[in-house]
Amino acid sequence: MPTALRICPLCEATCGLTLTLDGSRVTGARGDRDDVFSKGFICPKGASFPEIDADPDRLRTPMVRKDGRLQEATWAEAFDTI
C-alpha cells in the first residue's frame, strides 16, 4: 500500500507521520523515524489519525449559518460570511 509523509495537525508538537493509504482513505499511522523533531515518536492522538480522519461526524466542508441553521458552503462563501 502507498504511504504519505505528513505533519500531524492535531496539536502544536508537529510530529512527523507516515500514513498508509488505500485510495484517499487513511488506513494506518505511525511515527516518521526520519522526522527531525519527533524522530518517530507520536502520541495517542497521532496514532488514532485514521479513525479521526474517517469519523462520520468530521466536518469536511465549510459551514455557514443561514436562517439559524448550519449549511455546507464553499470556502469563498465562508470567508465572505466572516
PDB file of N, CA and C in Angstrom:
ATOM      1  N   MET A   1       0.839  -1.181   0.000  1.00  0.00           N
ATOM      2  CA  MET A   1       0.000   0.000   0.000  1.00  0.00           C
ATOM      3  C   MET A   1       0.885   1.244   0.000  1.00  0.00           C
ATOM      4  N   PRO A   2       0.433   2.284  -0.667  1.00  0.00           N
ATOM      5  CA  PRO A   2       1.232   3.514  -0.693  1.00  0.00           C
ATOM      6  C   PRO A   2       1.234   4.212   0.666  1.00  0.00           C
ATOM      7  N   THR A   3       2.262   4.995   0.895  1.00  0.00           N
ATOM      8  CA  THR A   3       2.363   5.779   2.128  1.00  0.00           C
ATOM      9  C   THR A   3       2.567   7.242   1.767  1.00  0.00           C
ATOM     10  N   ALA A   4       2.297   8.107   2.738  1.00  0.00           N
ATOM     11  CA  ALA A   4       2.494   9.545   2.567  1.00  0.00           C
ATOM     12  C   ALA A   4       3.092  10.094   3.854  1.00  0.00           C
ATOM     13  N   LEU A   5       4.071  10.964   3.712  1.00  0.00           N
ATOM     14  CA  LEU A   5       4.666  11.624   4.867  1.00  0.00           C
ATOM     15  C   LEU A   5       3.909  12.920   5.118  1.00  0.00           C
ATOM     16  N   ARG A   6       3.472  13.111   6.349  1.00  0.00           N
ATOM     17  CA  ARG A   6       2.712  14.296   6.712  1.00  0.00           C
ATOM     18  C   ARG A   6       3.121  14.764   8.102  1.00  0.00           C
ATOM     19  N   ILE A   7       2.728  15.981   8.443  1.00  0.00           N
ATOM     20  CA  ILE A   7       2.892  16.521   9.785  1.00  0.00           C
ATOM     21  C   ILE A   7       1.542  16.396  10.478  1.00  0.00           C
ATOM     22  N   CYS A   8       1.528  15.870  11.678  1.00  0.00           N
ATOM     23  CA  CYS A   8       0.286  15.686  12.416  1.00  0.00           C
ATOM     24  C   CYS A   8      -0.319  17.055  12.739  1.00  0.00           C
ATOM     25  N   PRO A   9      -1.606  17.268  12.393  1.00  0.00           N
ATOM     26  CA  PRO A   9      -2.243  18.561  12.633  1.00  0.00           C
ATOM     27  C   PRO A   9      -2.981  18.661  13.973  1.00  0.00           C
ATOM     28  N   LEU A  10      -2.863  17.654  14.826  1.00  0.00           N
ATOM     29  CA  LEU A  10      -3.734  17.574  15.992  1.00  0.00           C
ATOM     30  C   LEU A  10      -3.249  18.351  17.212  1.00  0.00           C
ATOM     31  N   CYS A  11      -2.010  18.827  17.215  1.00  0.00           N
ATOM     32  CA  CYS A  11      -1.546  19.699  18.307  1.00  0.00           C
ATOM     33  C   CYS A  11      -0.320  20.476  17.821  1.00  0.00           C
ATOM     34  N   GLU A  12       0.259  21.231  18.695  1.00  0.00           N
ATOM     35  CA  GLU A  12       1.374  22.099  18.321  1.00  0.00           C
ATOM     36  C   GLU A  12       2.721  21.375  18.246  1.00  0.00           C
ATOM     37  N   ALA A  13       2.796  20.099  18.602  1.00  0.00           N
ATOM     38  CA  ALA A  13       4.066  19.378  18.588  1.00  0.00           C
ATOM     39  C   ALA A  13       4.570  19.093  17.170  1.00  0.00           C
ATOM     40  N   THR A  14       3.703  19.082  16.191  1.00  0.00           N
ATOM     41  CA  THR A  14       4.031  18.862  14.771  1.00  0.00           C
ATOM     42  C   THR A  14       4.867  17.600  14.542  1.00  0.00           C
ATOM     43  N   CYS A  15       4.411  16.489  15.092  1.00  0.00           N
ATOM     44  CA  CYS A  15       5.105  15.215  14.905  1.00  0.00           C
ATOM     45  C   CYS A  15       5.007  14.762  13.453  1.00  0.00           C
ATOM     46  N   GLY A  16       6.045  14.100  12.984  1.00  0.00           N
ATOM     47  CA  GLY A  16       6.041  13.558  11.637  1.00  0.00           C
ATOM     48  C   GLY A  16       5.280  12.240  11.593  1.00  0.00           C
ATOM     49  N   LEU A  17       4.398  12.096  10.608  1.00  0.00           N
ATOM     50  CA  LEU A  17       3.609  10.876  10.453  1.00  0.00           C
ATOM     51  C   LEU A  17       3.932  10.197   9.133  1.00  0.00           C
ATOM     52  N   THR A  18       3.911   8.885   9.146  1.00  0.00           N
ATOM     53  CA  THR A  18       3.904   8.093   7.928  1.00  0.00           C
ATOM     54  C   THR A  18       2.519   7.468   7.855  1.00  0.00           C
ATOM     55  N   LEU A  19       1.716   7.905   6.882  1.00  0.00           N
ATOM     56  CA  LEU A  19       0.349   7.423   6.744  1.00  0.00           C
ATOM     57  C   LEU A  19       0.283   6.348   5.682  1.00  0.00           C
ATOM     58  N   THR A  20      -0.421   5.268   5.963  1.00  0.00           N
ATOM     59  CA  THR A  20      -0.691   4.225   4.984  1.00  0.00           C
ATOM     60  C   THR A  20      -2.031   4.551   4.343  1.00  0.00           C
ATOM     61  N   LEU A  21      -2.084   4.492   3.009  1.00  0.00           N
ATOM     62  CA  LEU A  21      -3.275   4.912   2.278  1.00  0.00           C
ATOM     63  C   LEU A  21      -3.884   3.778   1.473  1.00  0.00           C
ATOM     64  N   ASP A  22      -5.200   3.809   1.394  1.00  0.00           N
ATOM     65  CA  ASP A  22      -5.955   2.939   0.499  1.00  0.00           C
ATOM     66  C   ASP A  22      -6.830   3.883  -0.318  1.00  0.00           C
ATOM     67  N   GLY A  23      -6.343   4.292  -1.473  1.00  0.00           N
ATOM     68  CA  GLY A  23      -7.007   5.348  -2.235  1.00  0.00           C
ATOM     69  C   GLY A  23      -6.856   6.648  -1.472  1.00  0.00           C
ATOM     70  N   SER A  24      -7.965   7.299  -1.159  1.00  0.00           N
ATOM     71  CA  SER A  24      -7.904   8.534  -0.386  1.00  0.00           C
ATOM     72  C   SER A  24      -8.147   8.281   1.106  1.00  0.00           C
ATOM     73  N   ARG A  25      -8.317   7.032   1.488  1.00  0.00           N
ATOM     74  CA  ARG A  25      -8.594   6.667   2.880  1.00  0.00           C
ATOM     75  C   ARG A  25      -7.296   6.377   3.634  1.00  0.00           C
ATOM     76  N   VAL A  26      -7.154   6.959   4.813  1.00  0.00           N
ATOM     77  CA  VAL A  26      -6.002   6.695   5.679  1.00  0.00           C
ATOM     78  C   VAL A  26      -6.295   5.422   6.468  1.00  0.00           C
ATOM     79  N   THR A  27      -5.440   4.411   6.310  1.00  0.00           N
ATOM     80  CA  THR A  27      -5.669   3.129   6.986  1.00  0.00           C
ATOM     81  C   THR A  27      -4.703   2.869   8.132  1.00  0.00           C
ATOM     82  N   GLY A  28      -3.638   3.648   8.215  1.00  0.00           N
ATOM     83  CA  GLY A  28      -2.681   3.456   9.294  1.00  0.00           C
ATOM     84  C   GLY A  28      -1.836   4.690   9.498  1.00  0.00           C
ATOM     85  N   ALA A  29      -1.299   4.845  10.708  1.00  0.00           N
ATOM     86  CA  ALA A  29      -0.420   5.980  11.021  1.00  0.00           C
ATOM     87  C   ALA A  29       0.662   5.498  11.967  1.00  0.00           C
ATOM     88  N   ARG A  30       1.877   5.867  11.651  1.00  0.00           N
ATOM     89  CA  ARG A  30       2.992   5.576  12.555  1.00  0.00           C
ATOM     90  C   ARG A  30       3.943   6.767  12.507  1.00  0.00           C
ATOM     91  N   GLY A  31       4.826   6.829  13.475  1.00  0.00           N
ATOM     92  CA  GLY A  31       5.780   7.924  13.529  1.00  0.00           C
ATOM     93  C   GLY A  31       6.805   7.826  12.408  1.00  0.00           C
ATOM     94  N   ASP A  32       7.189   8.979  11.872  1.00  0.00           N
ATOM     95  CA  ASP A  32       8.220   9.050  10.834  1.00  0.00           C
ATOM     96  C   ASP A  32       9.587   9.095  11.520  1.00  0.00           C
ATOM     97  N   ARG A  33      10.331   8.007  11.425  1.00  0.00           N
ATOM     98  CA  ARG A  33      11.638   7.917  12.104  1.00  0.00           C
ATOM     99  C   ARG A  33      12.642   8.935  11.592  1.00  0.00           C
ATOM    100  N   ASP A  34      12.442   9.426  10.362  1.00  0.00           N
ATOM    101  CA  ASP A  34      13.366  10.414   9.797  1.00  0.00           C
ATOM    102  C   ASP A  34      12.978  11.855  10.118  1.00  0.00           C
ATOM    103  N   ASP A  35      11.874  12.068  10.825  1.00  0.00           N
ATOM    104  CA  ASP A  35      11.451  13.422  11.173  1.00  0.00           C
ATOM    105  C   ASP A  35      12.442  14.020  12.165  1.00  0.00           C
ATOM    106  N   VAL A  36      12.931  15.228  11.870  1.00  0.00           N
ATOM    107  CA  VAL A  36      13.982  15.825  12.695  1.00  0.00           C
ATOM    108  C   VAL A  36      13.505  16.216  14.089  1.00  0.00           C
ATOM    109  N   PHE A  37      12.212  16.471  14.262  1.00  0.00           N
ATOM    110  CA  PHE A  37      11.707  16.859  15.574  1.00  0.00           C
ATOM    111  C   PHE A  37      11.235  15.658  16.394  1.00  0.00           C
ATOM    112  N   SER A  38      10.345  14.857  15.819  1.00  0.00           N
ATOM    113  CA  SER A  38       9.724  13.790  16.613  1.00  0.00           C
ATOM    114  C   SER A  38      10.485  12.467  16.582  1.00  0.00           C
ATOM    115  N   LYS A  39      11.344  12.277  15.582  1.00  0.00           N
ATOM    116  CA  LYS A  39      12.205  11.093  15.482  1.00  0.00           C
ATOM    117  C   LYS A  39      11.439   9.774  15.630  1.00  0.00           C
ATOM    118  N   GLY A  40      10.226   9.724  15.077  1.00  0.00           N
ATOM    119  CA  GLY A  40       9.435   8.501  15.109  1.00  0.00           C
ATOM    120  C   GLY A  40       8.424   8.415  16.220  1.00  0.00           C
ATOM    121  N   PHE A  41       8.488   9.345  17.180  1.00  0.00           N
ATOM    122  CA  PHE A  41       7.527   9.335  18.282  1.00  0.00           C
ATOM    123  C   PHE A  41       6.225   9.984  17.829  1.00  0.00           C
ATOM    124  N   ILE A  42       5.095   9.395  18.190  1.00  0.00           N
ATOM    125  CA  ILE A  42       3.797  10.060  18.065  1.00  0.00           C
ATOM    126  C   ILE A  42       2.981   9.742  19.309  1.00  0.00           C
ATOM    127  N   CYS A  43       2.094  10.639  19.652  1.00  0.00           N
ATOM    128  CA  CYS A  43       1.236  10.434  20.817  1.00  0.00           C
ATOM    129  C   CYS A  43       0.001   9.633  20.421  1.00  0.00           C
ATOM    130  N   PRO A  44      -0.859   9.291  21.363  1.00  0.00           N
ATOM    131  CA  PRO A  44      -2.077   8.549  21.025  1.00  0.00           C
ATOM    132  C   PRO A  44      -2.982   9.277  20.029  1.00  0.00           C
ATOM    133  N   LYS A  45      -2.966  10.623  20.048  1.00  0.00           N
ATOM    134  CA  LYS A  45      -3.781  11.359  19.074  1.00  0.00           C
ATOM    135  C   LYS A  45      -3.283  11.082  17.660  1.00  0.00           C
ATOM    136  N   GLY A  46      -1.981  11.130  17.459  1.00  0.00           N
ATOM    137  CA  GLY A  46      -1.414  10.852  16.142  1.00  0.00           C
ATOM    138  C   GLY A  46      -1.657   9.423  15.705  1.00  0.00           C
ATOM    139  N   ALA A  47      -1.550   8.493  16.647  1.00  0.00           N
ATOM    140  CA  ALA A  47      -1.772   7.081  16.321  1.00  0.00           C
ATOM    141  C   ALA A  47      -3.222   6.813  15.927  1.00  0.00           C
ATOM    142  N   SER A  48      -4.157   7.648  16.419  1.00  0.00           N
ATOM    143  CA  SER A  48      -5.573   7.450  16.098  1.00  0.00           C
ATOM    144  C   SER A  48      -5.995   8.235  14.859  1.00  0.00           C
ATOM    145  N   PHE A  49      -5.036   8.782  14.135  1.00  0.00           N
ATOM    146  CA  PHE A  49      -5.352   9.613  12.967  1.00  0.00           C
ATOM    147  C   PHE A  49      -6.280   8.928  11.963  1.00  0.00           C
ATOM    148  N   PRO A  50      -6.107   7.639  11.645  1.00  0.00           N
ATOM    149  CA  PRO A  50      -7.045   7.001  10.694  1.00  0.00           C
ATOM    150  C   PRO A  50      -8.501   7.032  11.172  1.00  0.00           C
ATOM    151  N   GLU A  51      -8.719   6.794  12.464  1.00  0.00           N
ATOM    152  CA  GLU A  51     -10.080   6.814  12.994  1.00  0.00           C
ATOM    153  C   GLU A  51     -10.659   8.227  12.975  1.00  0.00           C
ATOM    154  N   ILE A  52      -9.840   9.211  13.314  1.00  0.00           N
ATOM    155  CA  ILE A  52     -10.292  10.604  13.303  1.00  0.00           C
ATOM    156  C   ILE A  52     -10.614  11.035  11.876  1.00  0.00           C
ATOM    157  N   ASP A  53      -9.767  10.668  10.925  1.00  0.00           N
ATOM    158  CA  ASP A  53      -9.981  11.037   9.523  1.00  0.00           C
ATOM    159  C   ASP A  53     -11.263  10.422   8.966  1.00  0.00           C
ATOM    160  N   ALA A  54     -11.608   9.208   9.414  1.00  0.00           N
ATOM    161  CA  ALA A  54     -12.786   8.508   8.890  1.00  0.00           C
ATOM    162  C   ALA A  54     -14.058   8.781   9.698  1.00  0.00           C
ATOM    163  N   ASP A  55     -13.973   9.579  10.752  1.00  0.00           N
ATOM    164  CA  ASP A  55     -15.138   9.832  11.608  1.00  0.00           C
ATOM    165  C   ASP A  55     -16.282  10.436  10.792  1.00  0.00           C
ATOM    166  N   PRO A  56     -17.461   9.815  10.823  1.00  0.00           N
ATOM    167  CA  PRO A  56     -18.583  10.336  10.035  1.00  0.00           C
ATOM    168  C   PRO A  56     -19.052  11.718  10.496  1.00  0.00           C
ATOM    169  N   ASP A  57     -18.713  12.129  11.723  1.00  0.00           N
ATOM    170  CA  ASP A  57     -19.108  13.446  12.216  1.00  0.00           C
ATOM    171  C   ASP A  57     -18.085  14.534  11.897  1.00  0.00           C
ATOM    172  N   ARG A  58     -16.979  14.172  11.265  1.00  0.00           N
ATOM    173  CA  ARG A  58     -15.927  15.135  10.939  1.00  0.00           C
ATOM    174  C   ARG A  58     -16.435  16.134   9.897  1.00  0.00           C
ATOM    175  N   LEU A  59     -16.159  17.406  10.119  1.00  0.00           N
ATOM    176  CA  LEU A  59     -16.505  18.418   9.130  1.00  0.00           C
ATOM    177  C   LEU A  59     -15.586  18.274   7.928  1.00  0.00           C
ATOM    178  N   ARG A  60     -16.162  18.230   6.749  1.00  0.00           N
ATOM    179  CA  ARG A  60     -15.376  18.059   5.530  1.00  0.00           C
ATOM    180  C   ARG A  60     -15.491  19.254   4.590  1.00  0.00           C
ATOM    181  N   THR A  61     -16.410  20.146   4.883  1.00  0.00           N
ATOM    182  CA  THR A  61     -16.581  21.370   4.098  1.00  0.00           C
ATOM    183  C   THR A  61     -16.860  22.515   5.066  1.00  0.00           C
ATOM    184  N   PRO A  62     -16.653  23.740   4.641  1.00  0.00           N
ATOM    185  CA  PRO A  62     -17.018  24.874   5.497  1.00  0.00           C
ATOM    186  C   PRO A  62     -18.524  24.879   5.739  1.00  0.00           C
ATOM    187  N   MET A  63     -18.911  25.392   6.883  1.00  0.00           N
ATOM    188  CA  MET A  63     -20.325  25.508   7.235  1.00  0.00           C
ATOM    189  C   MET A  63     -20.614  26.971   7.566  1.00  0.00           C
ATOM    190  N   VAL A  64     -21.759  27.463   7.114  1.00  0.00           N
ATOM    191  CA  VAL A  64     -22.201  28.811   7.481  1.00  0.00           C
ATOM    192  C   VAL A  64     -23.628  28.716   8.010  1.00  0.00           C
ATOM    193  N   ARG A  65     -23.973  29.656   8.875  1.00  0.00           N
ATOM    194  CA  ARG A  65     -25.317  29.672   9.440  1.00  0.00           C
ATOM    195  C   ARG A  65     -26.214  30.534   8.563  1.00  0.00           C
ATOM    196  N   LYS A  66     -27.291  29.936   8.064  1.00  0.00           N
ATOM    197  CA  LYS A  66     -28.294  30.632   7.265  1.00  0.00           C
ATOM    198  C   LYS A  66     -29.652  30.347   7.877  1.00  0.00           C
ATOM    199  N   ASP A  67     -30.366  31.390   8.201  1.00  0.00           N
ATOM    200  CA  ASP A  67     -31.690  31.246   8.816  1.00  0.00           C
ATOM    201  C   ASP A  67     -31.637  30.365  10.065  1.00  0.00           C
ATOM    202  N   GLY A  68     -30.575  30.518  10.846  1.00  0.00           N
ATOM    203  CA  GLY A  68     -30.453  29.789  12.101  1.00  0.00           C
ATOM    204  C   GLY A  68     -29.978  28.351  11.993  1.00  0.00           C
ATOM    205  N   ARG A  69     -29.664  27.899  10.777  1.00  0.00           N
ATOM    206  CA  ARG A  69     -29.220  26.505  10.590  1.00  0.00           C
ATOM    207  C   ARG A  69     -27.875  26.487   9.883  1.00  0.00           C
ATOM    208  N   LEU A  70     -27.024  25.520  10.271  1.00  0.00           N
ATOM    209  CA  LEU A  70     -25.739  25.363   9.596  1.00  0.00           C
ATOM    210  C   LEU A  70     -25.944  24.648   8.265  1.00  0.00           C
ATOM    211  N   GLN A  71     -25.302  25.207   7.221  1.00  0.00           N
ATOM    212  CA  GLN A  71     -25.384  24.618   5.895  1.00  0.00           C
ATOM    213  C   GLN A  71     -23.993  24.583   5.275  1.00  0.00           C
ATOM    214  N   GLU A  72     -23.763  23.578   4.434  1.00  0.00           N
ATOM    215  CA  GLU A  72     -22.484  23.492   3.736  1.00  0.00           C
ATOM    216  C   GLU A  72     -22.318  24.707   2.829  1.00  0.00           C
ATOM    217  N   ALA A  73     -21.073  25.132   2.679  1.00  0.00           N
ATOM    218  CA  ALA A  73     -20.773  26.313   1.860  1.00  0.00           C
ATOM    219  C   ALA A  73     -19.439  26.111   1.171  1.00  0.00           C
ATOM    220  N   THR A  74     -19.159  26.946   0.209  1.00  0.00           N
ATOM    221  CA  THR A  74     -17.833  26.958  -0.399  1.00  0.00           C
ATOM    222  C   THR A  74     -16.905  27.765   0.499  1.00  0.00           C
ATOM    223  N   TRP A  75     -15.606  27.659   0.253  1.00  0.00           N
ATOM    224  CA  TRP A  75     -14.659  28.461   1.027  1.00  0.00           C
ATOM    225  C   TRP A  75     -14.908  29.952   0.795  1.00  0.00           C
ATOM    226  N   ALA A  76     -15.225  30.328  -0.431  1.00  0.00           N
ATOM    227  CA  ALA A  76     -15.491  31.744  -0.738  1.00  0.00           C
ATOM    228  C   ALA A  76     -16.686  32.249   0.061  1.00  0.00           C
ATOM    229  N   GLU A  77     -17.756  31.452   0.120  1.00  0.00           N
ATOM    230  CA  GLU A  77     -18.935  31.846   0.903  1.00  0.00           C
ATOM    231  C   GLU A  77     -18.593  31.976   2.390  1.00  0.00           C
ATOM    232  N   ALA A  78     -17.816  31.043   2.901  1.00  0.00           N
ATOM    233  CA  ALA A  78     -17.458  31.072   4.313  1.00  0.00           C
ATOM    234  C   ALA A  78     -16.624  32.306   4.635  1.00  0.00           C
ATOM    235  N   PHE A  79     -15.637  32.620   3.799  1.00  0.00           N
ATOM    236  CA  PHE A  79     -14.813  33.806   4.043  1.00  0.00           C
ATOM    237  C   PHE A  79     -15.613  35.086   3.882  1.00  0.00           C
ATOM    238  N   ASP A  80     -16.540  35.130   2.944  1.00  0.00           N
ATOM    239  CA  ASP A  80     -17.414  36.297   2.796  1.00  0.00           C
ATOM    240  C   ASP A  80     -18.262  36.492   4.050  1.00  0.00           C
ATOM    241  N   THR A  81     -18.707  35.389   4.643  1.00  0.00           N
ATOM    242  CA  THR A  81     -19.537  35.464   5.835  1.00  0.00           C
ATOM    243  C   THR A  81     -18.769  36.013   7.032  1.00  0.00           C
ATOM    244  N   ILE A  82     -17.505  35.595   7.162  1.00  0.00           N
ATOM    245  CA  ILE A  82     -16.737  36.064   8.319  1.00  0.00           C
ATOM    246  C   ILE A  82     -16.115  37.415   8.059  1.00  0.00           C
TER     247      ILE A  82
END
